[in-house]
Protein backbone atom coordinates (compact mmCIF):
# COMPACT_ATOMS: atom_id res chain seq x y z
CA UNK A 1 -27.26 -54.61 -2.19
CA UNK A 2 -29.10 -55.89 0.88
CA UNK A 3 -32.88 -55.76 1.01
CA UNK A 4 -34.76 -54.05 3.78
CA UNK A 5 -37.05 -55.97 6.08
CA UNK A 6 -40.68 -56.35 5.00
CA UNK A 7 -41.86 -56.08 8.60
CA UNK A 8 -43.84 -53.24 10.12
CA UNK A 9 -42.88 -51.58 13.42
CA UNK A 10 -45.25 -50.96 16.31
CA UNK A 11 -45.51 -47.38 15.11
CA UNK A 12 -46.91 -48.68 11.82
CA UNK A 13 -43.84 -47.77 9.77
CA UNK A 14 -41.80 -50.10 7.63
CA UNK A 15 -38.83 -51.64 9.47
CA UNK A 16 -35.50 -50.12 8.47
CA UNK A 17 -33.37 -53.17 9.38
CA UNK A 18 -31.79 -55.36 6.74
CA UNK A 19 -33.52 -58.62 5.86
CA UNK A 20 -31.83 -61.91 6.66
CA UNK A 21 -30.18 -63.71 3.74
CA UNK A 22 -32.78 -66.49 3.73
CA UNK A 23 -35.85 -64.34 4.48
CA UNK A 24 -37.62 -61.13 3.55
CA UNK A 25 -37.65 -60.18 7.24
CA UNK A 26 -35.03 -59.10 9.78
CA UNK A 27 -34.45 -61.35 12.78
CA UNK A 28 -36.99 -59.42 14.85
CA UNK A 29 -39.86 -59.69 12.37
CA UNK A 30 -39.21 -63.13 10.87
CA UNK A 31 -42.23 -65.31 11.77
CA UNK A 32 -40.08 -68.44 11.58
CA UNK A 33 -37.88 -67.13 14.41
CA UNK A 34 -40.54 -66.06 16.92
CA UNK A 35 -39.49 -68.66 19.50
CA UNK A 36 -35.79 -67.82 18.97
CA UNK A 37 -36.48 -64.13 19.61
CA UNK A 38 -38.42 -64.92 22.79
CA UNK A 39 -35.48 -67.00 24.04
CA UNK A 40 -32.95 -64.27 23.14
CA UNK A 41 -35.00 -61.69 25.01
CA UNK A 42 -35.30 -63.95 28.02
CA UNK A 43 -31.54 -64.58 28.11
CA UNK A 44 -30.76 -60.92 27.52
CA UNK A 45 -32.93 -59.84 30.43
CA UNK A 46 -31.46 -62.49 32.71
CA UNK A 47 -27.94 -61.31 31.93
CA UNK A 48 -28.82 -57.80 33.07
CA UNK A 49 -30.50 -58.85 36.30
CA UNK A 50 -29.14 -57.47 39.56
CA UNK A 51 -28.53 -60.98 40.84
CA UNK A 52 -26.35 -61.97 37.89
CA UNK A 53 -24.40 -58.71 37.95
CA UNK A 54 -23.79 -59.11 41.69
CA UNK A 55 -22.75 -62.73 41.23
CA UNK A 56 -20.19 -61.71 38.60
CA UNK A 57 -18.79 -58.83 40.61
CA UNK A 58 -18.61 -60.55 44.00
CA UNK A 59 -16.38 -63.44 43.02
CA UNK A 60 -15.73 -66.62 44.98
CA UNK A 61 -16.60 -66.26 48.66
CA UNK A 62 -16.17 -69.93 49.51
CA UNK A 63 -12.71 -69.31 50.92
CA UNK A 64 -11.08 -66.55 52.92
CA UNK A 65 -8.85 -65.51 50.01
CA UNK A 66 -11.92 -64.85 47.85
CA UNK A 67 -13.58 -62.97 50.69
CA UNK A 68 -10.46 -60.85 51.20
CA UNK A 69 -10.27 -60.05 47.47
CA UNK A 70 -13.93 -58.98 47.49
CA UNK A 71 -13.45 -56.74 50.51
CA UNK A 72 -10.33 -55.13 49.04
CA UNK A 73 -12.21 -54.47 45.79
CA UNK A 74 -15.12 -52.98 47.74
CA UNK A 75 -12.73 -50.63 49.55
CA UNK A 76 -11.24 -49.54 46.24
CA UNK A 77 -14.71 -49.07 44.73
CA UNK A 78 -15.79 -46.87 47.65
CA UNK A 79 -12.66 -44.76 47.21
CA UNK A 80 -13.34 -44.29 43.48
CA UNK A 81 -17.07 -43.72 43.95
CA UNK A 82 -18.09 -46.90 42.08
CA UNK A 83 -19.71 -48.31 45.25
CA UNK A 84 -21.89 -46.44 47.69
CA UNK A 85 -20.68 -46.57 51.34
CA UNK A 86 -23.95 -48.15 52.62
CA UNK A 87 -23.46 -51.05 50.18
CA UNK A 88 -19.88 -51.45 51.40
CA UNK A 89 -21.16 -51.52 54.98
CA UNK A 90 -23.59 -54.29 54.04
CA UNK A 91 -20.79 -56.27 52.39
CA UNK A 92 -18.58 -55.86 55.49
CA UNK A 93 -21.39 -57.01 57.78
CA UNK A 94 -22.00 -60.11 55.69
CA UNK A 95 -18.26 -60.78 55.55
CA UNK A 96 -18.09 -60.70 59.37
CA UNK A 97 -20.92 -63.23 59.49
CA UNK A 98 -19.08 -65.50 57.02
CA UNK A 99 -15.89 -65.32 59.05
CA UNK A 100 -17.82 -66.11 62.25
CA UNK A 101 -19.41 -69.17 60.63
CA UNK A 102 -16.02 -70.27 59.30
CA UNK A 103 -14.57 -69.92 62.81
CA UNK A 104 -17.33 -72.04 64.33
CA UNK A 105 -16.86 -74.70 61.64
CA UNK A 106 -13.10 -74.72 62.28
CA UNK A 107 -13.69 -75.09 66.04
CA UNK A 108 -16.08 -78.01 65.53
CA UNK A 109 -13.56 -79.67 63.20
CA UNK A 110 -10.75 -79.08 65.72
CA UNK A 111 -12.83 -80.59 68.54
CA UNK A 112 -13.56 -83.65 66.38
CA UNK A 113 -9.84 -84.09 65.70
CA UNK A 114 -9.06 -83.88 69.43
CA UNK A 115 -11.74 -86.47 70.20
CA UNK A 116 -10.32 -88.81 67.54
CA UNK A 117 -6.79 -88.40 68.91
CA UNK A 118 -8.04 -89.05 72.48
CA UNK A 119 -9.69 -92.25 71.28
CA UNK A 120 -6.45 -93.35 69.61
CA UNK A 121 -4.47 -92.64 72.80
CA UNK A 122 -7.02 -94.56 74.86
CA UNK A 123 -6.75 -97.50 72.45
CA UNK A 124 -2.95 -97.45 72.64
CA UNK A 125 -3.04 -97.39 76.45
CA UNK A 126 -5.27 -100.48 76.50
CA UNK A 127 -2.84 -102.55 74.43
CA UNK A 128 -0.44 -104.76 76.37
CA UNK A 129 3.18 -103.66 76.33
């Protein structure tokens, strides 16, 4: 039969958790694991943060396919009530900004390609026939 923890709760009562196999305390009350518990709590809180939850639910927005998937999921979530319409509006606004930036980057890249091709044509025209 497992032993109960020898620790005392904040309320002053004896802890009702089972003791670890190598200790008379549970994981929460074991003095040898104080730093472990602090790290577990830190990681647990970080996993529940709004930023991490958003990061997991948004997906990859580095390409248009990822952006499209996110927008389609947002539409579905609004329809089912899992996402509030104002949040969907914010997502759509940010998506428009991403598409605009992608368009500008594509235009700059296209202009650079045209300039490189013009330079090649100019070089070919200068060569003797």
